[in-house]
């Protein structure tokens, strides 16, 4: 394992634990005690993060957002279901069944702030 892989895995593990603990502490989980996540940018790094987060009990992805169509099939293999796909972050944020949104750091910095503000304006938690 090289340094980049180590840092990526450590960050993903930390992120998964923060998601799990913050929802259980805040009492904002869904009525069925599952956390429904959406991810913006399920590319290779986003997929690694998805694999790590899927290990947390009670967490499932209910929305995938990307502009590159082939990423949806790979991300759906990780979720193991026909997870809804969105081609714009506005569509993903409009979905009512998503509790929190993860925007992946590979998104260009010019879009990053705009995406985070948009996610928070819908009263959802936003990570990264």
Protein backbone atom coordinates (compact mmCIF):
# COMPACT_ATOMS: atom_id res chain seq x y z
CA UNK A 1 0.00 0.00 0.00
CA UNK A 2 1.43 3.35 -0.96
CA UNK A 3 0.98 6.64 0.88
CA UNK A 4 -1.84 7.83 -1.38
CA UNK A 5 -3.84 4.63 -0.83
CA UNK A 6 -3.25 4.81 2.93
CA UNK A 7 -4.43 8.41 3.16
CA UNK A 8 -7.46 7.68 0.97
CA UNK A 9 -8.50 4.69 3.04
CA UNK A 10 -7.92 6.48 6.33
CA UNK A 11 -10.00 9.46 5.18
CA UNK A 12 -12.80 7.19 3.95
CA UNK A 13 -12.86 5.30 7.24
CA UNK A 14 -12.91 8.52 9.23
CA UNK A 15 -15.69 9.91 7.03
CA UNK A 16 -17.80 6.79 7.46
CA UNK A 17 -17.42 6.89 11.23
CA UNK A 18 -18.28 10.59 11.35
CA UNK A 19 -21.39 10.05 9.27
CA UNK A 20 -22.55 7.20 11.45
CA UNK A 21 -21.86 8.93 14.76
CA UNK A 22 -23.23 12.34 13.79
CA UNK A 23 -26.55 10.90 12.66
CA UNK A 24 -26.95 8.69 15.71
CA UNK A 25 -26.02 11.55 18.06
CA UNK A 26 -28.21 14.12 16.36
CA UNK A 27 -31.24 11.86 16.14
CA UNK A 28 -31.86 12.86 12.52
CA UNK A 29 -31.87 9.41 10.97
CA UNK A 30 -34.82 8.36 8.87
CA UNK A 31 -37.84 6.88 10.53
CA UNK A 32 -36.68 3.40 9.63
CA UNK A 33 -33.29 4.08 11.27
CA UNK A 34 -31.44 3.94 7.98
CA UNK A 35 -29.31 6.76 6.68
CA UNK A 36 -29.95 7.46 3.02
CA UNK A 37 -26.98 9.07 1.27
CA UNK A 38 -26.51 10.67 -2.10
CA UNK A 39 -23.09 11.02 -3.67
CA UNK A 40 -21.97 13.62 -6.17
CA UNK A 41 -19.05 12.21 -8.14
CA UNK A 42 -19.00 8.41 -7.85
CA UNK A 43 -15.75 8.06 -9.81
CA UNK A 44 -12.92 5.79 -8.70
CA UNK A 45 -12.27 7.64 -5.44
CA UNK A 46 -15.96 8.09 -4.79
CA UNK A 47 -16.51 4.37 -5.32
CA UNK A 48 -13.80 3.57 -2.78
CA UNK A 49 -15.54 5.84 -0.31
CA UNK A 50 -18.86 4.16 -1.09
CA UNK A 51 -17.38 0.72 -0.38
CA UNK A 52 -16.10 1.91 2.97
CA UNK A 53 -19.33 3.66 3.96
CA UNK A 54 -21.43 0.65 2.94
CA UNK A 55 -19.72 -1.28 5.78
CA UNK A 56 -21.50 0.91 8.31
CA UNK A 57 -24.75 -0.77 9.42
CA UNK A 58 -27.90 1.12 8.48
CA UNK A 59 -26.33 3.19 5.70
CA UNK A 60 -27.39 2.97 2.07
CA UNK A 61 -26.95 5.07 -1.04
CA UNK A 62 -30.21 6.29 -2.55
CA UNK A 63 -28.80 8.68 -5.14
CA UNK A 64 -25.84 8.82 -7.54
CA UNK A 65 -24.96 12.01 -9.39
CA UNK A 66 -22.41 12.37 -12.16
CA UNK A 67 -22.12 13.73 -15.67
CA UNK A 68 -20.27 10.63 -16.92
CA UNK A 69 -22.80 7.84 -17.59
CA UNK A 70 -20.48 4.76 -17.25
CA UNK A 71 -19.86 5.56 -13.59
CA UNK A 72 -23.45 4.71 -12.69
CA UNK A 73 -23.09 1.01 -13.55
CA UNK A 74 -19.94 0.69 -11.45
CA UNK A 75 -21.51 2.53 -8.50
CA UNK A 76 -24.66 0.40 -8.73
CA UNK A 77 -22.51 -2.72 -8.42
CA UNK A 78 -21.32 -1.36 -5.09
CA UNK A 79 -24.82 -0.58 -3.82
CA UNK A 80 -26.18 -3.89 -5.11
CA UNK A 81 -29.41 -2.31 -6.29
CA UNK A 82 -30.85 -0.05 -8.97
CA UNK A 83 -29.90 3.13 -7.16
CA UNK A 84 -31.52 6.19 -8.77
CA UNK A 85 -29.17 8.26 -10.92
CA UNK A 86 -29.12 12.01 -11.43
CA UNK A 87 -27.30 14.00 -14.08
CA UNK A 88 -27.25 17.25 -12.12
CA UNK A 89 -26.76 18.05 -8.46
CA UNK A 90 -30.02 20.01 -8.47
CA UNK A 91 -31.94 16.82 -9.30
CA UNK A 92 -30.15 14.90 -6.55
CA UNK A 93 -30.79 17.60 -3.97
CA UNK A 94 -34.48 17.72 -4.92
CA UNK A 95 -34.89 14.03 -4.06
CA UNK A 96 -36.87 13.70 -0.84
CA UNK A 97 -35.45 10.32 0.22
CA UNK A 98 -31.85 11.50 0.76
CA UNK A 99 -30.73 12.45 4.28
CA UNK A 100 -27.20 13.64 3.49
CA UNK A 101 -24.99 14.34 0.50
CA UNK A 102 -21.34 13.52 -0.06
CA UNK A 103 -19.61 15.54 -2.72
CA UNK A 104 -16.35 14.00 -3.68
CA UNK A 105 -13.12 16.05 -3.54
CA UNK A 106 -12.23 15.37 -7.18
CA UNK A 107 -14.90 17.84 -8.20
CA UNK A 108 -13.21 20.96 -9.60
CA UNK A 109 -12.74 23.64 -6.96
CA UNK A 110 -14.76 26.08 -9.05
CA UNK A 111 -17.86 23.90 -8.48
CA UNK A 112 -17.04 22.69 -4.99
CA UNK A 113 -18.26 25.66 -2.95
CA UNK A 114 -21.40 26.04 -5.07
CA UNK A 115 -22.31 22.38 -4.52
CA UNK A 116 -21.79 22.55 -0.78
CA UNK A 117 -23.90 25.69 -0.44
CA UNK A 118 -26.64 24.11 -2.56
CA UNK A 119 -26.66 20.98 -0.38
CA UNK A 120 -26.78 22.94 2.86
CA UNK A 121 -29.56 25.18 1.55
CA UNK A 122 -31.78 22.09 1.36
CA UNK A 123 -31.22 21.52 5.11
CA UNK A 124 -29.20 18.38 4.42
CA UNK A 125 -25.84 17.55 5.83
CA UNK A 126 -23.01 17.89 3.33
CA UNK A 127 -19.58 16.30 3.61
CA UNK A 128 -16.34 17.33 1.96
